[in-house]
Amino acid sequence: MGQVVPVGPMFTEAIGFLIAILQSLRGRAKSANPTLNAIVKAKSPEDFVRKAAQEAADRAATDKVEAAEAARRDAEERLRNGIQPVVLPTPKEVDAVKARMEYQEGIFHFAVAGVAGTGKSSLINALRGLRNKDRGAAGAGVVETTSTIGRYPDPNSDNPFVWYDIPGAGTLSQPDWLYFNNQGLFVFDCIIVLFDNRFTQTDIAILTNCQRFQIPTYIVRSKADSHIRNIIDDMGYDPDEDDGAQYQSMYVQAREQFITATRATVQRNLQEANLPRQKVYIVSNKNLLTVTKGRKLSPEIIDELELMNDLLEEARSRRCVLERPA
């Protein structure tokens, strides 16, 4: 019910005069103004005040609906143009994700994320010093085997880390920009964005959200050894015609071609997404495993040692790694 506002004699007289004028319009063409029509029908000053208040309330409600519709159309247009909305989790959502992830203070939480089939599980195993067939290793396969987030504590007691294997974006029915929030990536201390063949829009979305949440990121390209071999094959290598020097010569060329193309492609994609330049770590799990196990390094190593050192330094900067005695 609307509240009847008391009015004074002068106001009543003025309203009466206005109504007299408006009533003279009765019988003429109906006004296109709904407020005017309502006022014309007023029978008294008090009735005029009620109708005017109701018209104002109706107009406010209509404006609110129209504003919401305009906002919806604007959001749809922005999405069509590739502009992703900023969706921030509530404190309650953050606490719920931390509980689900078994987040612990004093432990460094690494997440390995990216599209399906990039070798996230195998990379986590190598970072933990394990082969895929070792006991306690993350499940790995030719096809994507991760459908739920896997939690893997580091077996090295000197490293208070937990590694998380995040399901590949290509296995989930959700937009790229929702992948970050739906997987709870906002609670991790560091995120490794892993890609294999192509640096995708999903990878860009992860990096963009990490920047918003100020989460350190490492871009890693996996399976370097396989990619280099494929380039050598494309160059026409024939083992039956190799005198021993041909493969090595081709390997040097293929390796340089692969490294140069990878770095250039990623930097171009970062620039197009208005993201800052960032190092790309090119690795193979075989060589990474020699680093984590402290074995003699292969001459084919690329960025495996640097990646491991930088990850340790990242955790050390948060005081999650004990300084080893000299």
Protein backbone atom coordinates (compact mmCIF):
# COMPACT_ATOMS: atom_id res chain seq x y z
CA MET A 1 0.00 0.00 0.00
CA GLY A 2 1.32 3.49 -0.86
CA GLN A 3 1.45 6.09 1.92
CA VAL A 4 -0.90 9.07 1.59
CA VAL A 5 1.12 12.27 1.95
CA PRO A 6 -0.72 15.12 3.75
CA VAL A 7 -0.97 18.27 1.64
CA GLY A 8 -1.57 21.92 2.54
CA PRO A 9 -4.35 24.20 1.24
CA MET A 10 -2.13 26.02 -1.28
CA PHE A 11 -0.84 22.72 -2.69
CA THR A 12 -4.43 21.42 -2.87
CA GLU A 13 -5.55 24.53 -4.73
CA ALA A 14 -2.66 24.22 -7.20
CA ILE A 15 -3.39 20.55 -7.79
CA GLY A 16 -7.06 21.33 -8.27
CA PHE A 17 -6.20 23.91 -10.90
CA LEU A 18 -3.95 21.40 -12.67
CA ILE A 19 -6.64 18.74 -12.63
CA ALA A 20 -9.15 21.25 -14.03
CA ILE A 21 -6.82 21.89 -16.95
CA LEU A 22 -6.16 18.21 -17.51
CA GLN A 23 -9.83 17.34 -17.33
CA SER A 24 -10.40 19.75 -20.19
CA LEU A 25 -8.37 17.35 -22.28
CA ARG A 26 -10.83 14.50 -21.71
CA GLY A 27 -12.54 13.40 -24.86
CA ARG A 28 -9.62 14.54 -26.98
CA ALA A 29 -7.02 12.21 -28.48
CA LYS A 30 -5.58 9.91 -25.85
CA SER A 31 -2.09 10.95 -24.74
CA ALA A 32 0.84 8.63 -25.42
CA ASN A 33 2.16 9.53 -21.97
CA PRO A 34 0.88 6.94 -19.43
CA THR A 35 1.64 9.28 -16.53
CA LEU A 36 -0.47 12.04 -18.08
CA ASN A 37 -3.31 9.58 -18.68
CA ALA A 38 -3.21 8.46 -15.06
CA ILE A 39 -3.26 12.02 -13.75
CA VAL A 40 -6.15 12.99 -16.03
CA LYS A 41 -8.17 10.22 -14.37
CA ALA A 42 -7.44 11.53 -10.87
CA LYS A 43 -10.63 12.37 -8.93
CA SER A 44 -9.07 14.43 -6.13
CA PRO A 45 -5.74 15.94 -5.01
CA GLU A 46 -5.09 12.95 -2.74
CA ASP A 47 -5.93 10.60 -5.60
CA PHE A 48 -3.52 12.57 -7.79
CA VAL A 49 -0.71 12.16 -5.25
CA ARG A 50 -1.34 8.40 -5.01
CA LYS A 51 -1.43 7.96 -8.78
CA ALA A 52 1.69 10.08 -9.28
CA ALA A 53 3.57 8.03 -6.65
CA GLN A 54 2.43 4.78 -8.23
CA GLU A 55 3.46 5.99 -11.69
CA ALA A 56 6.92 6.90 -10.33
CA ALA A 57 7.29 3.47 -8.73
CA ASP A 58 6.15 1.74 -11.94
CA ARG A 59 8.57 3.78 -14.01
CA ALA A 60 11.45 2.96 -11.63
CA ALA A 61 10.65 -0.76 -11.89
CA THR A 62 10.48 -0.52 -15.68
CA ASP A 63 13.81 1.34 -15.79
CA LYS A 64 15.39 -1.38 -13.62
CA VAL A 65 14.20 -4.13 -15.96
CA GLU A 66 15.40 -2.19 -19.00
CA ALA A 67 18.80 -1.60 -17.38
CA ALA A 68 19.15 -5.31 -16.60
CA GLU A 69 18.23 -6.19 -20.19
CA ALA A 70 20.75 -3.66 -21.51
CA ALA A 71 23.43 -5.14 -19.23
CA ARG A 72 22.61 -8.64 -20.51
CA ARG A 73 22.89 -7.53 -24.14
CA ASP A 74 26.18 -5.78 -23.38
CA ALA A 75 27.61 -8.89 -21.68
CA GLU A 76 26.58 -11.08 -24.62
CA GLU A 77 28.16 -8.63 -27.07
CA ARG A 78 31.40 -8.55 -25.04
CA LEU A 79 31.54 -12.36 -25.01
CA ARG A 80 31.00 -12.49 -28.78
CA ASN A 81 33.94 -10.10 -29.11
CA GLY A 82 36.12 -12.28 -26.90
CA ILE A 83 35.99 -10.00 -23.84
CA GLN A 84 35.72 -12.30 -20.85
CA PRO A 85 33.93 -11.25 -17.65
CA VAL A 86 35.77 -10.94 -14.35
CA VAL A 87 34.29 -13.46 -11.92
CA LEU A 88 35.68 -13.20 -8.38
CA PRO A 89 35.02 -15.94 -5.81
CA THR A 90 33.48 -15.03 -2.48
CA PRO A 91 35.44 -15.65 0.78
CA LYS A 92 33.08 -18.55 1.45
CA GLU A 93 33.91 -20.09 -1.94
CA VAL A 94 37.66 -19.68 -1.31
CA ASP A 95 37.38 -21.44 2.07
CA ALA A 96 35.33 -24.25 0.50
CA VAL A 97 37.91 -24.83 -2.26
CA LYS A 98 40.80 -24.80 0.24
CA ALA A 99 39.01 -27.43 2.30
CA ARG A 100 38.39 -29.55 -0.81
CA MET A 101 42.04 -29.26 -1.88
CA GLU A 102 43.29 -30.02 1.65
CA TYR A 103 45.18 -26.76 1.58
CA GLN A 104 47.73 -26.47 4.40
CA GLU A 105 49.63 -23.43 5.64
CA GLY A 106 53.41 -23.89 5.40
CA ILE A 107 53.02 -26.16 2.36
CA PHE A 108 53.57 -24.92 -1.19
CA HIS A 109 50.74 -25.86 -3.54
CA PHE A 110 51.65 -26.26 -7.23
CA ALA A 111 48.92 -26.79 -9.83
CA VAL A 112 49.61 -28.11 -13.33
CA ALA A 113 46.83 -26.99 -15.65
CA GLY A 114 46.07 -26.79 -19.36
CA VAL A 115 44.11 -28.50 -22.10
CA ALA A 116 43.62 -32.26 -22.26
CA GLY A 117 46.41 -34.47 -23.54
CA THR A 118 49.37 -32.22 -22.76
CA GLY A 119 51.00 -34.70 -20.38
CA LYS A 120 50.20 -33.07 -17.04
CA SER A 121 50.34 -36.31 -15.07
CA SER A 122 53.68 -37.35 -16.60
CA LEU A 123 55.15 -33.92 -15.89
CA ILE A 124 54.06 -34.11 -12.24
CA ASN A 125 55.68 -37.53 -11.95
CA ALA A 126 58.96 -36.23 -13.39
CA LEU A 127 58.88 -33.18 -11.09
CA ARG A 128 58.45 -35.57 -8.16
CA GLY A 129 61.32 -37.77 -9.35
CA LEU A 130 59.04 -40.64 -10.39
CA ARG A 131 58.51 -42.59 -13.58
CA ASN A 132 54.95 -43.17 -14.73
CA LYS A 133 55.10 -46.82 -13.67
CA ASP A 134 56.48 -46.11 -10.17
CA ARG A 135 54.39 -46.66 -7.10
CA GLY A 136 52.61 -43.46 -6.04
CA ALA A 137 52.89 -41.91 -9.51
CA ALA A 138 50.03 -39.94 -11.01
CA GLY A 139 48.04 -41.93 -13.54
CA ALA A 140 49.17 -41.19 -17.09
CA GLY A 141 48.02 -42.44 -20.47
CA VAL A 142 47.82 -41.75 -24.18
CA VAL A 143 44.39 -40.18 -23.69
CA GLU A 144 43.37 -37.82 -20.90
CA THR A 145 43.09 -39.91 -17.72
CA THR A 146 42.38 -37.12 -15.23
CA SER A 147 38.69 -36.37 -14.60
CA THR A 148 39.08 -35.15 -11.02
CA ILE A 149 41.82 -33.11 -9.39
CA GLY A 150 44.70 -35.31 -8.21
CA ARG A 151 46.69 -34.35 -5.10
CA TYR A 152 50.29 -35.66 -4.90
CA PRO A 153 52.63 -34.75 -2.02
CA ASP A 154 56.30 -34.52 -3.01
CA PRO A 155 58.20 -37.64 -1.84
CA ASN A 156 61.31 -35.57 -1.06
CA SER A 157 61.14 -34.55 2.61
CA ASP A 158 63.21 -31.45 1.82
CA ASN A 159 60.41 -30.21 -0.44
CA PRO A 160 57.18 -29.41 1.47
CA PHE A 161 55.22 -29.35 -1.77
CA VAL A 162 51.93 -30.74 -2.99
CA TRP A 163 51.46 -31.12 -6.73
CA TYR A 164 47.92 -30.96 -8.15
CA ASP A 165 46.92 -32.56 -11.43
CA ILE A 166 44.07 -30.43 -12.82
CA PRO A 167 41.64 -32.03 -15.32
CA GLY A 168 42.20 -30.87 -18.89
CA ALA A 169 39.93 -28.08 -20.09
CA GLY A 170 39.04 -30.05 -23.22
CA THR A 171 37.36 -32.74 -21.12
CA LEU A 172 34.88 -30.36 -19.48
CA SER A 173 31.72 -28.73 -20.85
CA GLN A 174 32.50 -25.16 -19.81
CA PRO A 175 33.87 -21.97 -21.40
CA ASP A 176 37.58 -21.26 -21.15
CA TRP A 177 37.00 -18.33 -18.82
CA LEU A 178 35.03 -20.50 -16.36
CA TYR A 179 37.72 -23.22 -16.21
CA PHE A 180 39.85 -21.18 -13.79
CA ASN A 181 37.11 -20.61 -11.21
CA ASN A 182 35.34 -23.94 -11.58
CA GLN A 183 38.60 -25.80 -10.92
CA GLY A 184 39.39 -23.56 -7.94
CA LEU A 185 42.73 -22.43 -9.38
CA PHE A 186 42.56 -19.20 -7.38
CA VAL A 187 43.75 -20.95 -4.17
CA PHE A 188 47.09 -22.24 -5.50
CA ASP A 189 50.48 -20.72 -4.70
CA CYS A 190 51.84 -21.27 -8.21
CA ILE A 191 50.39 -22.54 -11.49
CA ILE A 192 52.26 -24.30 -14.28
CA VAL A 193 50.48 -23.74 -17.59
CA LEU A 194 51.39 -26.76 -19.70
CA PHE A 195 50.89 -27.02 -23.44
CA ASP A 196 51.95 -29.50 -26.08
CA ASN A 197 51.17 -28.73 -29.73
CA ARG A 198 49.43 -25.35 -29.58
CA PHE A 199 49.29 -22.48 -27.12
CA THR A 200 45.51 -22.09 -26.78
CA GLN A 201 42.86 -19.64 -25.63
CA THR A 202 42.48 -21.77 -22.50
CA ASP A 203 46.13 -21.15 -21.63
CA ILE A 204 45.61 -17.40 -22.15
CA ALA A 205 42.51 -17.48 -19.92
CA ILE A 206 44.46 -19.19 -17.13
CA LEU A 207 47.31 -16.68 -17.37
CA THR A 208 44.90 -13.73 -17.43
CA ASN A 209 43.15 -14.91 -14.28
CA CYS A 210 46.45 -15.66 -12.56
CA GLN A 211 47.46 -12.06 -13.24
CA ARG A 212 44.23 -10.84 -11.63
CA PHE A 213 44.83 -13.00 -8.56
CA GLN A 214 48.59 -12.26 -8.52
CA ILE A 215 49.47 -15.96 -8.72
CA PRO A 216 52.97 -16.76 -10.09
CA THR A 217 52.87 -18.74 -13.35
CA TYR A 218 55.29 -20.84 -15.40
CA ILE A 219 54.60 -21.57 -19.06
CA VAL A 220 55.95 -24.99 -19.99
CA ARG A 221 55.95 -26.81 -23.33
CA SER A 222 56.11 -30.55 -22.93
CA LYS A 223 57.34 -33.47 -25.03
CA ALA A 224 60.26 -31.55 -26.53
CA ASP A 225 62.08 -34.75 -27.52
CA SER A 226 59.09 -36.02 -29.51
CA HIS A 227 58.60 -32.70 -31.28
CA ILE A 228 62.26 -32.50 -32.27
CA ARG A 229 62.20 -36.05 -33.62
CA ASN A 230 59.14 -35.18 -35.70
CA ILE A 231 60.96 -32.20 -37.20
CA ILE A 232 63.96 -34.43 -38.03
CA ASP A 233 61.62 -36.86 -39.80
CA ASP A 234 60.06 -33.96 -41.73
CA MET A 235 63.55 -32.93 -42.81
CA GLY A 236 63.84 -36.31 -44.57
CA TYR A 237 66.07 -38.20 -42.17
CA ASP A 238 66.63 -41.82 -43.24
CA PRO A 239 68.44 -43.99 -40.68
CA ASP A 240 69.43 -46.44 -43.43
CA GLU A 241 71.43 -43.71 -45.15
CA ASP A 242 72.97 -42.21 -42.02
CA ASP A 243 76.74 -42.46 -41.74
CA GLY A 244 76.60 -41.33 -38.11
CA ALA A 245 76.92 -37.60 -38.64
CA GLN A 246 73.66 -36.93 -40.47
CA TYR A 247 71.38 -37.37 -37.45
CA GLN A 248 73.48 -35.13 -35.22
CA SER A 249 73.55 -32.38 -37.82
CA MET A 250 69.80 -32.59 -38.32
CA TYR A 251 69.20 -32.75 -34.57
CA VAL A 252 71.01 -29.44 -34.00
CA GLN A 253 68.95 -27.77 -36.74
CA ALA A 254 65.65 -29.28 -35.58
CA ARG A 255 66.29 -28.38 -31.94
CA GLU A 256 67.03 -24.75 -32.79
CA GLN A 257 64.01 -24.54 -35.08
CA PHE A 258 61.71 -25.98 -32.40
CA ILE A 259 63.00 -23.69 -29.62
CA THR A 260 62.87 -20.55 -31.76
CA ALA A 261 59.36 -21.25 -33.10
CA THR A 262 57.99 -22.11 -29.65
CA ARG A 263 59.27 -18.98 -27.98
CA ALA A 264 58.15 -16.70 -30.84
CA THR A 265 54.65 -18.18 -30.96
CA VAL A 266 54.04 -17.86 -27.23
CA GLN A 267 55.35 -14.29 -27.06
CA ARG A 268 53.14 -13.30 -30.00
CA ASN A 269 50.08 -14.82 -28.31
CA LEU A 270 50.88 -13.09 -25.03
CA GLN A 271 51.23 -9.75 -26.80
CA GLU A 272 47.92 -10.19 -28.61
CA ALA A 273 46.25 -10.92 -25.25
CA ASN A 274 47.86 -7.82 -23.67
CA LEU A 275 49.82 -10.01 -21.27
CA PRO A 276 53.45 -9.30 -20.32
CA ARG A 277 56.34 -11.19 -21.87
CA GLN A 278 57.16 -14.38 -20.02
CA LYS A 279 59.77 -17.11 -20.28
CA VAL A 280 58.71 -20.38 -21.89
CA TYR A 281 60.32 -23.52 -20.44
CA ILE A 282 60.80 -26.24 -23.03
CA VAL A 283 61.19 -29.68 -21.47
CA SER A 284 61.01 -33.41 -21.93
CA ASN A 285 60.05 -35.61 -19.01
CA LYS A 286 63.01 -37.92 -19.64
CA ASN A 287 65.50 -35.10 -19.17
CA LEU A 288 63.53 -33.57 -16.31
CA LEU A 289 63.72 -36.88 -14.45
CA THR A 290 67.54 -36.84 -14.63
CA VAL A 291 67.44 -33.39 -12.97
CA THR A 292 65.12 -34.36 -10.12
CA LYS A 293 67.02 -37.59 -9.47
CA GLY A 294 70.39 -35.82 -9.50
CA ARG A 295 71.77 -37.91 -12.34
CA LYS A 296 74.26 -36.87 -15.00
CA LEU A 297 72.54 -34.39 -17.27
CA SER A 298 71.87 -35.29 -20.88
CA PRO A 299 73.43 -33.12 -23.62
CA GLU A 300 69.89 -32.84 -25.01
CA ILE A 301 68.68 -30.91 -21.97
CA ILE A 302 66.96 -27.61 -22.79
CA ASP A 303 65.17 -25.85 -19.89
CA GLU A 304 64.65 -28.72 -17.46
CA LEU A 305 67.32 -27.70 -14.96
CA GLU A 306 66.33 -24.04 -15.09
CA LEU A 307 62.67 -24.91 -14.58
CA MET A 308 63.39 -26.99 -11.50
CA ASN A 309 65.68 -24.35 -10.02
CA ASP A 310 63.14 -21.60 -10.62
CA LEU A 311 60.31 -23.62 -9.05
CA LEU A 312 62.46 -24.30 -5.98
CA GLU A 313 63.35 -20.61 -5.77
CA GLU A 314 59.67 -19.68 -6.04
CA ALA A 315 58.87 -21.91 -3.07
CA ARG A 316 61.98 -20.76 -1.18
CA SER A 317 60.88 -17.14 -1.56
CA ARG A 318 57.72 -18.12 0.33
CA ARG A 319 59.90 -19.85 2.95
CA CYS A 320 58.56 -23.27 2.02
CA VAL A 321 61.99 -24.81 1.28
CA LEU A 322 64.75 -25.19 3.83
CA GLU A 323 68.11 -23.72 2.85
CA ARG A 324 70.50 -26.59 2.27
CA PRO A 325 73.84 -26.38 4.09
CA ALA A 326 76.83 -25.49 1.88
